Amino acid sequence: MEQCNAQRSNELHSYLSRRRYDASNSFLRRRAYVVVEARFDAAKGKDFRVIERGGSGTVERRVFVPMLETERANALSPGREEVEISRRNYTFTFESYDAARQAYVFKAEPHTKNKYLLRGKI
């Protein structure tokens, strides 16, 4: 995985994608969505342009805006290295082999208390 990440980092110069994000809070009965155009440039990082939005402005401000800002901040060094899934950031323990999915399952434990690192199985 680390070799693939390094290869992708060396070979990926730019991309353009379109994404749709949906979020809801059933307790407050609020929903929102945004459709964004995501641009990545290896030298400049990521940038997002909202193409379409709908629903609660509060959900958009509290969920989507911080999420996109975090992704933008972690797109280039040093932020990227601090959150990438690698042995530098995690201890991986083999759990099982999922024959149905033809995939290995590992427990992932972060080395630090970074709020952007996951704890669980991959």
PDB file of N, CA and C in Angstrom:
ATOM      1  N   MET A   1       0.826  -1.179   0.000  1.00  0.00           N
ATOM      2  CA  MET A   1       0.000   0.000   0.000  1.00  0.00           C
ATOM      3  C   MET A   1       0.879   1.255   0.000  1.00  0.00           C
ATOM      4  N   GLU A   2       1.934   1.234   0.822  1.00  0.00           N
ATOM      5  CA  GLU A   2       2.821   2.391   0.859  1.00  0.00           C
ATOM      6  C   GLU A   2       3.531   2.591  -0.472  1.00  0.00           C
ATOM      7  N   GLN A   3       3.895   1.487  -1.143  1.00  0.00           N
ATOM      8  CA  GLN A   3       4.522   1.597  -2.457  1.00  0.00           C
ATOM      9  C   GLN A   3       3.555   2.194  -3.474  1.00  0.00           C
ATOM     10  N   CYS A   4       2.309   1.768  -3.424  1.00  0.00           N
ATOM     11  CA  CYS A   4       1.295   2.315  -4.341  1.00  0.00           C
ATOM     12  C   CYS A   4       1.057   3.797  -4.069  1.00  0.00           C
ATOM     13  N   ASN A   5       1.024   4.185  -2.796  1.00  0.00           N
ATOM     14  CA  ASN A   5       0.863   5.601  -2.448  1.00  0.00           C
ATOM     15  C   ASN A   5       2.019   6.433  -2.984  1.00  0.00           C
ATOM     16  N   ALA A   6       3.245   5.929  -2.824  1.00  0.00           N
ATOM     17  CA  ALA A   6       4.419   6.658  -3.318  1.00  0.00           C
ATOM     18  C   ALA A   6       4.390   6.767  -4.835  1.00  0.00           C
ATOM     19  N   GLN A   7       4.031   5.679  -5.523  1.00  0.00           N
ATOM     20  CA  GLN A   7       3.958   5.705  -6.978  1.00  0.00           C
ATOM     21  C   GLN A   7       2.900   6.699  -7.451  1.00  0.00           C
ATOM     22  N   ARG A   8       1.729   6.675  -6.812  1.00  0.00           N
ATOM     23  CA  ARG A   8       0.651   7.594  -7.188  1.00  0.00           C
ATOM     24  C   ARG A   8       1.081   9.038  -6.954  1.00  0.00           C
ATOM     25  N   SER A   9       1.751   9.277  -5.837  1.00  0.00           N
ATOM     26  CA  SER A   9       2.216  10.623  -5.523  1.00  0.00           C
ATOM     27  C   SER A   9       3.211  11.127  -6.570  1.00  0.00           C
ATOM     28  N   ASN A  10       4.063  10.244  -7.054  1.00  0.00           N
ATOM     29  CA  ASN A  10       5.055  10.626  -8.064  1.00  0.00           C
ATOM     30  C   ASN A  10       4.442  10.825  -9.444  1.00  0.00           C
ATOM     31  N   GLU A  11       3.394  10.067  -9.747  1.00  0.00           N
ATOM     32  CA  GLU A  11       2.843  10.086 -11.097  1.00  0.00           C
ATOM     33  C   GLU A  11       1.604  10.958 -11.277  1.00  0.00           C
ATOM     34  N   LEU A  12       0.902  11.252 -10.189  1.00  0.00           N
ATOM     35  CA  LEU A  12      -0.332  12.029 -10.300  1.00  0.00           C
ATOM     36  C   LEU A  12      -0.008  13.519 -10.261  1.00  0.00           C
ATOM     37  N   HIS A  13      -0.202  14.165 -11.372  1.00  0.00           N
ATOM     38  CA  HIS A  13       0.110  15.597 -11.460  1.00  0.00           C
ATOM     39  C   HIS A  13      -1.123  16.466 -11.235  1.00  0.00           C
ATOM     40  N   SER A  14      -2.283  15.981 -11.692  1.00  0.00           N
ATOM     41  CA  SER A  14      -3.502  16.751 -11.497  1.00  0.00           C
ATOM     42  C   SER A  14      -4.720  15.880 -11.786  1.00  0.00           C
ATOM     43  N   TYR A  15      -5.858  16.328 -11.288  1.00  0.00           N
ATOM     44  CA  TYR A  15      -7.125  15.699 -11.647  1.00  0.00           C
ATOM     45  C   TYR A  15      -8.251  16.680 -11.379  1.00  0.00           C
ATOM     46  N   LEU A  16      -9.377  16.384 -11.976  1.00  0.00           N
ATOM     47  CA  LEU A  16     -10.603  17.145 -11.795  1.00  0.00           C
ATOM     48  C   LEU A  16     -11.706  16.124 -11.572  1.00  0.00           C
ATOM     49  N   SER A  17     -12.485  16.312 -10.509  1.00  0.00           N
ATOM     50  CA  SER A  17     -13.588  15.381 -10.237  1.00  0.00           C
ATOM     51  C   SER A  17     -14.798  16.149  -9.753  1.00  0.00           C
ATOM     52  N   ARG A  18     -15.926  15.474  -9.808  1.00  0.00           N
ATOM     53  CA  ARG A  18     -17.168  16.040  -9.296  1.00  0.00           C
ATOM     54  C   ARG A  18     -17.663  15.097  -8.208  1.00  0.00           C
ATOM     55  N   ARG A  19     -18.051  15.665  -7.074  1.00  0.00           N
ATOM     56  CA  ARG A  19     -18.500  14.865  -5.935  1.00  0.00           C
ATOM     57  C   ARG A  19     -19.807  15.423  -5.390  1.00  0.00           C
ATOM     58  N   ARG A  20     -20.584  14.526  -4.817  1.00  0.00           N
ATOM     59  CA  ARG A  20     -21.805  14.939  -4.120  1.00  0.00           C
ATOM     60  C   ARG A  20     -21.686  14.451  -2.684  1.00  0.00           C
ATOM     61  N   TYR A  21     -21.933  15.345  -1.759  1.00  0.00           N
ATOM     62  CA  TYR A  21     -21.928  15.015  -0.336  1.00  0.00           C
ATOM     63  C   TYR A  21     -23.325  15.263   0.220  1.00  0.00           C
ATOM     64  N   ASP A  22     -23.814  14.316   1.020  1.00  0.00           N
ATOM     65  CA  ASP A  22     -25.109  14.436   1.680  1.00  0.00           C
ATOM     66  C   ASP A  22     -24.905  14.262   3.177  1.00  0.00           C
ATOM     67  N   ALA A  23     -25.624  15.028   3.970  1.00  0.00           N
ATOM     68  CA  ALA A  23     -25.567  14.883   5.432  1.00  0.00           C
ATOM     69  C   ALA A  23     -26.946  15.186   5.999  1.00  0.00           C
ATOM     70  N   SER A  24     -27.238  14.517   7.110  1.00  0.00           N
ATOM     71  CA  SER A  24     -28.513  14.779   7.769  1.00  0.00           C
ATOM     72  C   SER A  24     -28.356  14.614   9.271  1.00  0.00           C
ATOM     73  N   ASN A  25     -29.197  15.303   9.991  1.00  0.00           N
ATOM     74  CA  ASN A  25     -29.273  15.183  11.438  1.00  0.00           C
ATOM     75  C   ASN A  25     -30.727  14.868  11.754  1.00  0.00           C
ATOM     76  N   SER A  26     -31.004  13.607  12.073  1.00  0.00           N
ATOM     77  CA  SER A  26     -32.397  13.195  12.291  1.00  0.00           C
ATOM     78  C   SER A  26     -32.983  13.822  13.551  1.00  0.00           C
ATOM     79  N   PHE A  27     -32.151  14.092  14.547  1.00  0.00           N
ATOM     80  CA  PHE A  27     -32.640  14.703  15.777  1.00  0.00           C
ATOM     81  C   PHE A  27     -33.168  16.116  15.508  1.00  0.00           C
ATOM     82  N   LEU A  28     -32.403  16.894  14.741  1.00  0.00           N
ATOM     83  CA  LEU A  28     -32.808  18.265  14.420  1.00  0.00           C
ATOM     84  C   LEU A  28     -33.633  18.350  13.134  1.00  0.00           C
ATOM     85  N   ARG A  29     -33.819  17.211  12.477  1.00  0.00           N
ATOM     86  CA  ARG A  29     -34.562  17.148  11.215  1.00  0.00           C
ATOM     87  C   ARG A  29     -34.013  18.117  10.169  1.00  0.00           C
ATOM     88  N   ARG A  30     -32.713  18.069  10.013  1.00  0.00           N
ATOM     89  CA  ARG A  30     -32.042  18.923   9.024  1.00  0.00           C
ATOM     90  C   ARG A  30     -31.247  18.053   8.063  1.00  0.00           C
ATOM     91  N   ARG A  31     -31.287  18.454   6.799  1.00  0.00           N
ATOM     92  CA  ARG A  31     -30.547  17.757   5.745  1.00  0.00           C
ATOM     93  C   ARG A  31     -29.893  18.806   4.859  1.00  0.00           C
ATOM     94  N   ALA A  32     -28.832  18.384   4.209  1.00  0.00           N
ATOM     95  CA  ALA A  32     -28.193  19.264   3.224  1.00  0.00           C
ATOM     96  C   ALA A  32     -27.372  18.421   2.268  1.00  0.00           C
ATOM     97  N   TYR A  33     -27.082  19.015   1.126  1.00  0.00           N
ATOM     98  CA  TYR A  33     -26.177  18.384   0.173  1.00  0.00           C
ATOM     99  C   TYR A  33     -25.400  19.473  -0.543  1.00  0.00           C
ATOM    100  N   VAL A  34     -24.248  19.111  -1.024  1.00  0.00           N
ATOM    101  CA  VAL A  34     -23.475  19.978  -1.904  1.00  0.00           C
ATOM    102  C   VAL A  34     -22.884  19.110  -3.004  1.00  0.00           C
ATOM    103  N   VAL A  35     -22.799  19.679  -4.185  1.00  0.00           N
ATOM    104  CA  VAL A  35     -22.070  19.075  -5.297  1.00  0.00           C
ATOM    105  C   VAL A  35     -20.887  19.993  -5.532  1.00  0.00           C
ATOM    106  N   VAL A  36     -19.684  19.415  -5.501  1.00  0.00           N
ATOM    107  CA  VAL A  36     -18.484  20.231  -5.662  1.00  0.00           C
ATOM    108  C   VAL A  36     -17.633  19.718  -6.810  1.00  0.00           C
ATOM    109  N   GLU A  37     -16.923  20.645  -7.402  1.00  0.00           N
ATOM    110  CA  GLU A  37     -15.894  20.304  -8.363  1.00  0.00           C
ATOM    111  C   GLU A  37     -14.582  20.367  -7.587  1.00  0.00           C
ATOM    112  N   ALA A  38     -13.860  19.265  -7.577  1.00  0.00           N
ATOM    113  CA  ALA A  38     -12.588  19.192  -6.865  1.00  0.00           C
ATOM    114  C   ALA A  38     -11.451  19.211  -7.880  1.00  0.00           C
ATOM    115  N   ARG A  39     -10.525  20.144  -7.686  1.00  0.00           N
ATOM    116  CA  ARG A  39      -9.345  20.235  -8.555  1.00  0.00           C
ATOM    117  C   ARG A  39      -8.113  19.956  -7.714  1.00  0.00           C
ATOM    118  N   PHE A  40      -7.267  19.066  -8.226  1.00  0.00           N
ATOM    119  CA  PHE A  40      -6.004  18.785  -7.557  1.00  0.00           C
ATOM    120  C   PHE A  40      -4.871  19.101  -8.504  1.00  0.00           C
ATOM    121  N   ASP A  41      -3.872  19.789  -7.986  1.00  0.00           N
ATOM    122  CA  ASP A  41      -2.644  20.074  -8.705  1.00  0.00           C
ATOM    123  C   ASP A  41      -1.502  19.726  -7.751  1.00  0.00           C
ATOM    124  N   ALA A  42      -0.581  18.887  -8.178  1.00  0.00           N
ATOM    125  CA  ALA A  42       0.487  18.405  -7.299  1.00  0.00           C
ATOM    126  C   ALA A  42       1.303  19.549  -6.705  1.00  0.00           C
ATOM    127  N   ALA A  43       1.429  20.646  -7.410  1.00  0.00           N
ATOM    128  CA  ALA A  43       2.209  21.779  -6.903  1.00  0.00           C
ATOM    129  C   ALA A  43       1.387  22.726  -6.040  1.00  0.00           C
ATOM    130  N   LYS A  44       0.090  22.819  -6.314  1.00  0.00           N
ATOM    131  CA  LYS A  44      -0.751  23.801  -5.635  1.00  0.00           C
ATOM    132  C   LYS A  44      -1.685  23.222  -4.588  1.00  0.00           C
ATOM    133  N   GLY A  45      -1.967  21.915  -4.652  1.00  0.00           N
ATOM    134  CA  GLY A  45      -2.879  21.301  -3.695  1.00  0.00           C
ATOM    135  C   GLY A  45      -4.276  21.162  -4.266  1.00  0.00           C
ATOM    136  N   LYS A  46      -5.266  21.172  -3.377  1.00  0.00           N
ATOM    137  CA  LYS A  46      -6.660  20.981  -3.779  1.00  0.00           C
ATOM    138  C   LYS A  46      -7.442  22.272  -3.640  1.00  0.00           C
ATOM    139  N   ASP A  47      -8.440  22.394  -4.494  1.00  0.00           N
ATOM    140  CA  ASP A  47      -9.368  23.504  -4.413  1.00  0.00           C
ATOM    141  C   ASP A  47     -10.750  22.967  -4.757  1.00  0.00           C
ATOM    142  N   PHE A  48     -11.771  23.555  -4.161  1.00  0.00           N
ATOM    143  CA  PHE A  48     -13.134  23.095  -4.355  1.00  0.00           C
ATOM    144  C   PHE A  48     -14.020  24.257  -4.785  1.00  0.00           C
ATOM    145  N   ARG A  49     -14.940  23.964  -5.699  1.00  0.00           N
ATOM    146  CA  ARG A  49     -15.919  24.946  -6.128  1.00  0.00           C
ATOM    147  C   ARG A  49     -17.286  24.301  -5.993  1.00  0.00           C
ATOM    148  N   VAL A  50     -18.160  24.944  -5.231  1.00  0.00           N
ATOM    149  CA  VAL A  50     -19.515  24.416  -5.056  1.00  0.00           C
ATOM    150  C   VAL A  50     -20.308  24.702  -6.321  1.00  0.00           C
ATOM    151  N   ILE A  51     -20.848  23.647  -6.910  1.00  0.00           N
ATOM    152  CA  ILE A  51     -21.625  23.745  -8.142  1.00  0.00           C
ATOM    153  C   ILE A  51     -23.113  23.808  -7.827  1.00  0.00           C
ATOM    154  N   GLU A  52     -23.506  23.070  -6.799  1.00  0.00           N
ATOM    155  CA  GLU A  52     -24.922  23.008  -6.431  1.00  0.00           C
ATOM    156  C   GLU A  52     -25.010  22.773  -4.935  1.00  0.00           C
ATOM    157  N   ARG A  53     -26.027  23.336  -4.312  1.00  0.00           N
ATOM    158  CA  ARG A  53     -26.253  23.134  -2.880  1.00  0.00           C
ATOM    159  C   ARG A  53     -27.735  23.115  -2.604  1.00  0.00           C
ATOM    160  N   GLY A  54     -28.086  22.469  -1.499  1.00  0.00           N
ATOM    161  CA  GLY A  54     -29.490  22.433  -1.127  1.00  0.00           C
ATOM    162  C   GLY A  54     -29.646  22.030   0.318  1.00  0.00           C
ATOM    163  N   GLY A  55     -30.760  22.428   0.903  1.00  0.00           N
ATOM    164  CA  GLY A  55     -31.043  22.067   2.283  1.00  0.00           C
ATOM    165  C   GLY A  55     -30.552  23.102   3.272  1.00  0.00           C
ATOM    166  N   SER A  56     -30.256  22.639   4.463  1.00  0.00           N
ATOM    167  CA  SER A  56     -29.911  23.499   5.576  1.00  0.00           C
ATOM    168  C   SER A  56     -28.546  24.168   5.416  1.00  0.00           C
ATOM    169  N   GLY A  57     -28.548  25.481   5.507  1.00  0.00           N
ATOM    170  CA  GLY A  57     -27.288  26.228   5.481  1.00  0.00           C
ATOM    171  C   GLY A  57     -26.440  25.932   6.712  1.00  0.00           C
ATOM    172  N   THR A  58     -27.094  25.652   7.834  1.00  0.00           N
ATOM    173  CA  THR A  58     -26.373  25.320   9.061  1.00  0.00           C
ATOM    174  C   THR A  58     -25.592  24.024   8.886  1.00  0.00           C
ATOM    175  N   VAL A  59     -26.230  23.013   8.314  1.00  0.00           N
ATOM    176  CA  VAL A  59     -25.537  21.748   8.068  1.00  0.00           C
ATOM    177  C   VAL A  59     -24.377  21.979   7.107  1.00  0.00           C
ATOM    178  N   GLU A  60     -24.593  22.765   6.078  1.00  0.00           N
ATOM    179  CA  GLU A  60     -23.513  23.049   5.127  1.00  0.00           C
ATOM    180  C   GLU A  60     -22.331  23.709   5.831  1.00  0.00           C
ATOM    181  N   ARG A  61     -22.604  24.733   6.646  1.00  0.00           N
ATOM    182  CA  ARG A  61     -21.517  25.454   7.338  1.00  0.00           C
ATOM    183  C   ARG A  61     -20.811  24.596   8.379  1.00  0.00           C
ATOM    184  N   ARG A  62     -21.556  23.732   9.063  1.00  0.00           N
ATOM    185  CA  ARG A  62     -20.976  22.956  10.162  1.00  0.00           C
ATOM    186  C   ARG A  62     -20.375  21.620   9.723  1.00  0.00           C
ATOM    187  N   VAL A  63     -20.784  21.118   8.548  1.00  0.00           N
ATOM    188  CA  VAL A  63     -20.282  19.816   8.098  1.00  0.00           C
ATOM    189  C   VAL A  63     -19.411  19.953   6.858  1.00  0.00           C
ATOM    190  N   PHE A  64     -19.969  20.486   5.782  1.00  0.00           N
ATOM    191  CA  PHE A  64     -19.256  20.471   4.510  1.00  0.00           C
ATOM    192  C   PHE A  64     -18.089  21.448   4.455  1.00  0.00           C
ATOM    193  N   VAL A  65     -18.284  22.659   4.944  1.00  0.00           N
ATOM    194  CA  VAL A  65     -17.208  23.648   4.886  1.00  0.00           C
ATOM    195  C   VAL A  65     -15.976  23.173   5.661  1.00  0.00           C
ATOM    196  N   PRO A  66     -16.118  22.734   6.923  1.00  0.00           N
ATOM    197  CA  PRO A  66     -14.922  22.243   7.637  1.00  0.00           C
ATOM    198  C   PRO A  66     -14.307  20.995   6.984  1.00  0.00           C
ATOM    199  N   MET A  67     -15.150  20.106   6.455  1.00  0.00           N
ATOM    200  CA  MET A  67     -14.636  18.898   5.815  1.00  0.00           C
ATOM    201  C   MET A  67     -13.774  19.249   4.602  1.00  0.00           C
ATOM    202  N   LEU A  68     -14.237  20.155   3.761  1.00  0.00           N
ATOM    203  CA  LEU A  68     -13.478  20.535   2.573  1.00  0.00           C
ATOM    204  C   LEU A  68     -12.221  21.314   2.942  1.00  0.00           C
ATOM    205  N   GLU A  69     -12.301  22.153   3.974  1.00  0.00           N
ATOM    206  CA  GLU A  69     -11.106  22.875   4.435  1.00  0.00           C
ATOM    207  C   GLU A  69     -10.045  21.905   4.945  1.00  0.00           C
ATOM    208  N   THR A  70     -10.471  20.883   5.655  1.00  0.00           N
ATOM    209  CA  THR A  70      -9.531  19.873   6.170  1.00  0.00           C
ATOM    210  C   THR A  70      -8.894  19.113   5.019  1.00  0.00           C
ATOM    211  N   GLU A  71      -9.696  18.733   4.039  1.00  0.00           N
ATOM    212  CA  GLU A  71      -9.135  18.028   2.887  1.00  0.00           C
ATOM    213  C   GLU A  71      -8.148  18.910   2.138  1.00  0.00           C
ATOM    214  N   ARG A  72      -8.469  20.173   2.008  1.00  0.00           N
ATOM    215  CA  ARG A  72      -7.565  21.121   1.335  1.00  0.00           C
ATOM    216  C   ARG A  72      -6.249  21.227   2.111  1.00  0.00           C
ATOM    217  N   ALA A  73      -6.331  21.351   3.425  1.00  0.00           N
ATOM    218  CA  ALA A  73      -5.127  21.505   4.250  1.00  0.00           C
ATOM    219  C   ALA A  73      -4.259  20.256   4.249  1.00  0.00           C
ATOM    220  N   ASN A  74      -4.880  19.085   4.109  1.00  0.00           N
ATOM    221  CA  ASN A  74      -4.124  17.835   4.166  1.00  0.00           C
ATOM    222  C   ASN A  74      -3.722  17.298   2.794  1.00  0.00           C
ATOM    223  N   ALA A  75      -3.920  18.080   1.750  1.00  0.00           N
ATOM    224  CA  ALA A  75      -3.599  17.618   0.405  1.00  0.00           C
ATOM    225  C   ALA A  75      -2.106  17.683   0.092  1.00  0.00           C
ATOM    226  N   LEU A  76      -1.388  18.559   0.757  1.00  0.00           N
ATOM    227  CA  LEU A  76       0.050  18.727   0.515  1.00  0.00           C
ATOM    228  C   LEU A  76       0.821  18.503   1.803  1.00  0.00           C
ATOM    229  N   SER A  77       2.129  18.351   1.669  1.00  0.00           N
ATOM    230  CA  SER A  77       2.996  18.202   2.852  1.00  0.00           C
ATOM    231  C   SER A  77       2.947  19.475   3.666  1.00  0.00           C
ATOM    232  N   PRO A  78       3.124  19.429   4.971  1.00  0.00           N
ATOM    233  CA  PRO A  78       3.330  18.239   5.791  1.00  0.00           C
ATOM    234  C   PRO A  78       2.028  17.582   6.228  1.00  0.00           C
ATOM    235  N   GLY A  79       0.893  18.206   5.978  1.00  0.00           N
ATOM    236  CA  GLY A  79      -0.382  17.658   6.428  1.00  0.00           C
ATOM    237  C   GLY A  79      -0.669  16.279   5.898  1.00  0.00           C
ATOM    238  N   ARG A  80      -0.337  16.041   4.637  1.00  0.00           N
ATOM    239  CA  ARG A  80      -0.628  14.746   4.029  1.00  0.00           C
ATOM    240  C   ARG A  80       0.088  13.611   4.758  1.00  0.00           C
ATOM    241  N   GLU A  81       1.354  13.795   5.074  1.00  0.00           N
ATOM    242  CA  GLU A  81       2.114  12.741   5.744  1.00  0.00           C
ATOM    243  C   GLU A  81       1.578  12.444   7.143  1.00  0.00           C
ATOM    244  N   GLU A  82       0.986  13.441   7.782  1.00  0.00           N
ATOM    245  CA  GLU A  82       0.464  13.256   9.139  1.00  0.00           C
ATOM    246  C   GLU A  82      -0.827  12.452   9.177  1.00  0.00           C
ATOM    247  N   VAL A  83      -1.522  12.332   8.042  1.00  0.00           N
ATOM    248  CA  VAL A  83      -2.814  11.630   8.035  1.00  0.00           C
ATOM    249  C   VAL A  83      -2.864  10.437   7.092  1.00  0.00           C
ATOM    250  N   GLU A  84      -1.816  10.183   6.338  1.00  0.00           N
ATOM    251  CA  GLU A  84      -1.880   9.069   5.398  1.00  0.00           C
ATOM    252  C   GLU A  84      -1.878   7.728   6.130  1.00  0.00           C
ATOM    253  N   ILE A  85      -2.479   6.764   5.500  1.00  0.00           N
ATOM    254  CA  ILE A  85      -2.535   5.418   6.082  1.00  0.00           C
ATOM    255  C   ILE A  85      -1.201   4.742   5.770  1.00  0.00           C
ATOM    256  N   SER A  86      -0.317   4.739   6.770  1.00  0.00           N
ATOM    257  CA  SER A  86       1.021   4.174   6.616  1.00  0.00           C
ATOM    258  C   SER A  86       1.524   3.688   7.972  1.00  0.00           C
ATOM    259  N   ARG A  87       2.625   2.946   7.938  1.00  0.00           N
ATOM    260  CA  ARG A  87       3.218   2.453   9.188  1.00  0.00           C
ATOM    261  C   ARG A  87       3.774   3.590  10.044  1.00  0.00           C
ATOM    262  N   ARG A  88       4.042   4.729   9.431  1.00  0.00           N
ATOM    263  CA  ARG A  88       4.515   5.883  10.193  1.00  0.00           C
ATOM    264  C   ARG A  88       3.425   6.391  11.149  1.00  0.00           C
ATOM    265  N   ASN A  89       2.156   6.233  10.748  1.00  0.00           N
ATOM    266  CA  ASN A  89       1.044   6.752  11.539  1.00  0.00           C
ATOM    267  C   ASN A  89       0.238   5.692  12.275  1.00  0.00           C
ATOM    268  N   TYR A  90       0.391   4.426  11.883  1.00  0.00           N
ATOM    269  CA  TYR A  90      -0.447   3.356  12.440  1.00  0.00           C
ATOM    270  C   TYR A  90       0.354   2.113  12.784  1.00  0.00           C
ATOM    271  N   THR A  91      -0.191   1.356  13.723  1.00  0.00           N
ATOM    272  CA  THR A  91       0.220  -0.022  13.944  1.00  0.00           C
ATOM    273  C   THR A  91      -0.879  -0.887  13.335  1.00  0.00           C
ATOM    274  N   PHE A  92      -0.496  -1.802  12.452  1.00  0.00           N
ATOM    275  CA  PHE A  92      -1.445  -2.687  11.798  1.00  0.00           C
ATOM    276  C   PHE A  92      -1.272  -4.093  12.352  1.00  0.00           C
ATOM    277  N   THR A  93      -2.386  -4.723  12.692  1.00  0.00           N
ATOM    278  CA  THR A  93      -2.378  -6.088  13.187  1.00  0.00           C
ATOM    279  C   THR A  93      -3.305  -6.925  12.314  1.00  0.00           C
ATOM    280  N   PHE A  94      -2.762  -8.018  11.775  1.00  0.00           N
ATOM    281  CA  PHE A  94      -3.574  -8.898  10.938  1.00  0.00           C
ATOM    282  C   PHE A  94      -4.701  -9.485  11.757  1.00  0.00           C
ATOM    283  N   GLU A  95      -5.927  -9.419  11.219  1.00  0.00           N
ATOM    284  CA  GLU A  95      -7.101  -9.966  11.897  1.00  0.00           C
ATOM    285  C   GLU A  95      -7.614 -11.219  11.195  1.00  0.00           C
ATOM    286  N   SER A  96      -7.787 -11.140   9.871  1.00  0.00           N
ATOM    287  CA  SER A  96      -8.360 -12.282   9.154  1.00  0.00           C
ATOM    288  C   SER A  96      -8.217 -12.075   7.651  1.00  0.00           C
ATOM    289  N   TYR A  97      -8.638 -13.096   6.942  1.00  0.00           N
ATOM    290  CA  TYR A  97      -8.747 -13.002   5.494  1.00  0.00           C
ATOM    291  C   TYR A  97     -10.218 -13.170   5.143  1.00  0.00           C
ATOM    292  N   ASP A  98     -10.806 -12.211   4.452  1.00  0.00           N
ATOM    293  CA  ASP A  98     -12.205 -12.260   4.041  1.00  0.00           C
ATOM    294  C   ASP A  98     -12.254 -12.893   2.651  1.00  0.00           C
ATOM    295  N   ALA A  99     -12.560 -14.200   2.612  1.00  0.00           N
ATOM    296  CA  ALA A  99     -12.555 -14.928   1.345  1.00  0.00           C
ATOM    297  C   ALA A  99     -13.604 -14.396   0.369  1.00  0.00           C
ATOM    298  N   ALA A 100     -14.754 -13.981   0.885  1.00  0.00           N
ATOM    299  CA  ALA A 100     -15.819 -13.474   0.010  1.00  0.00           C
ATOM    300  C   ALA A 100     -15.379 -12.221  -0.735  1.00  0.00           C
ATOM    301  N   ARG A 101     -14.609 -11.398  -0.082  1.00  0.00           N
ATOM    302  CA  ARG A 101     -14.132 -10.148  -0.711  1.00  0.00           C
ATOM    303  C   ARG A 101     -12.713 -10.270  -1.242  1.00  0.00           C
ATOM    304  N   GLN A 102     -12.101 -11.416  -0.980  1.00  0.00           N
ATOM    305  CA  GLN A 102     -10.705 -11.640  -1.363  1.00  0.00           C
ATOM    306  C   GLN A 102      -9.825 -10.501  -0.852  1.00  0.00           C
ATOM    307  N   ALA A 103      -9.957 -10.237   0.468  1.00  0.00           N
ATOM    308  CA  ALA A 103      -9.244  -9.109   1.065  1.00  0.00           C
ATOM    309  C   ALA A 103      -8.731  -9.468   2.458  1.00  0.00           C
ATOM    310  N   TYR A 104      -7.590  -8.937   2.786  1.00  0.00           N
ATOM    311  CA  TYR A 104      -7.047  -9.084   4.129  1.00  0.00           C
ATOM    312  C   TYR A 104      -7.673  -8.015   5.020  1.00  0.00           C
ATOM    313  N   VAL A 105      -7.927  -8.351   6.265  1.00  0.00           N
ATOM    314  CA  VAL A 105      -8.506  -7.425   7.227  1.00  0.00           C
ATOM    315  C   VAL A 105      -7.458  -7.168   8.309  1.00  0.00           C
ATOM    316  N   PHE A 106      -7.177  -5.887   8.558  1.00  0.00           N
ATOM    317  CA  PHE A 106      -6.205  -5.485   9.571  1.00  0.00           C
ATOM    318  C   PHE A 106      -6.851  -4.544  10.571  1.00  0.00           C
ATOM    319  N   LYS A 107      -6.434  -4.667  11.813  1.00  0.00           N
ATOM    320  CA  LYS A 107      -6.805  -3.692  12.839  1.00  0.00           C
ATOM    321  C   LYS A 107      -5.824  -2.535  12.686  1.00  0.00           C
ATOM    322  N   ALA A 108      -6.322  -1.310  12.695  1.00  0.00           N
ATOM    323  CA  ALA A 108      -5.481  -0.119  12.550  1.00  0.00           C
ATOM    324  C   ALA A 108      -5.573   0.711  13.828  1.00  0.00           C
ATOM    325  N   GLU A 109      -4.430   0.902  14.462  1.00  0.00           N
ATOM    326  CA  GLU A 109      -4.354   1.713  15.684  1.00  0.00           C
ATOM    327  C   GLU A 109      -3.422   2.891  15.424  1.00  0.00           C
ATOM    328  N   PRO A 110      -3.925   4.116  15.550  1.00  0.00           N
ATOM    329  CA  PRO A 110      -3.058   5.286  15.299  1.00  0.00           C
ATOM    330  C   PRO A 110      -1.984   5.439  16.376  1.00  0.00           C
ATOM    331  N   HIS A 111      -0.843   5.972  15.976  1.00  0.00           N
ATOM    332  CA  HIS A 111       0.262   6.217  16.907  1.00  0.00           C
ATOM    333  C   HIS A 111       0.052   7.476  17.736  1.00  0.00           C
ATOM    334  N   THR A 112      -0.729   8.415  17.205  1.00  0.00           N
ATOM    335  CA  THR A 112      -0.951   9.689  17.908  1.00  0.00           C
ATOM    336  C   THR A 112      -2.446   9.944  18.044  1.00  0.00           C
ATOM    337  N   LYS A 113      -2.812  10.977  18.785  1.00  0.00           N
ATOM    338  CA  LYS A 113      -4.218  11.335  18.984  1.00  0.00           C
ATOM    339  C   LYS A 113      -4.648  12.419  17.997  1.00  0.00           C
ATOM    340  N   ASN A 114      -4.297  12.244  16.756  1.00  0.00           N
ATOM    341  CA  ASN A 114      -4.713  13.148  15.688  1.00  0.00           C
ATOM    342  C   ASN A 114      -6.175  12.865  15.356  1.00  0.00           C
ATOM    343  N   LYS A 115      -7.036  13.861  15.412  1.00  0.00           N
ATOM    344  CA  LYS A 115      -8.463  13.640  15.181  1.00  0.00           C
ATOM    345  C   LYS A 115      -8.787  13.191  13.768  1.00  0.00           C
ATOM    346  N   TYR A 116      -7.838  13.274  12.844  1.00  0.00           N
ATOM    347  CA  TYR A 116      -8.076  12.863  11.478  1.00  0.00           C
ATOM    348  C   TYR A 116      -7.633  11.432  11.194  1.00  0.00           C
ATOM    349  N   LEU A 117      -7.081  10.761  12.185  1.00  0.00           N
ATOM    350  CA  LEU A 117      -6.677   9.368  12.007  1.00  0.00           C
ATOM    351  C   LEU A 117      -7.796   8.446  12.463  1.00  0.00           C
ATOM    352  N   LEU A 118      -7.972   7.350  11.733  1.00  0.00           N
ATOM    353  CA  LEU A 118      -9.036   6.415  12.063  1.00  0.00           C
ATOM    354  C   LEU A 118      -8.551   5.370  13.066  1.00  0.00           C
ATOM    355  N   ARG A 119      -9.483   4.772  13.743  1.00  0.00           N
ATOM    356  CA  ARG A 119      -9.222   3.645  14.640  1.00  0.00           C
ATOM    357  C   ARG A 119     -10.263   2.610  14.279  1.00  0.00           C
ATOM    358  N   GLY A 120      -9.802   1.438  13.851  1.00  0.00           N
ATOM    359  CA  GLY A 120     -10.768   0.421  13.448  1.00  0.00           C
ATOM    360  C   GLY A 120     -10.139  -0.629  12.590  1.00  0.00           C
ATOM    361  N   LYS A 121     -10.915  -1.112  11.629  1.00  0.00           N
ATOM    362  CA  LYS A 121     -10.455  -2.178  10.737  1.00  0.00           C
ATOM    363  C   LYS A 121     -10.444  -1.684   9.304  1.00  0.00           C
ATOM    364  N   ILE A 122      -9.441  -2.145   8.573  1.00  0.00           N
ATOM    365  CA  ILE A 122      -9.368  -1.825   7.151  1.00  0.00           C
ATOM    366  C   ILE A 122      -9.094  -3.105   6.387  1.00  0.00           C
TER     367      ILE A 122
END
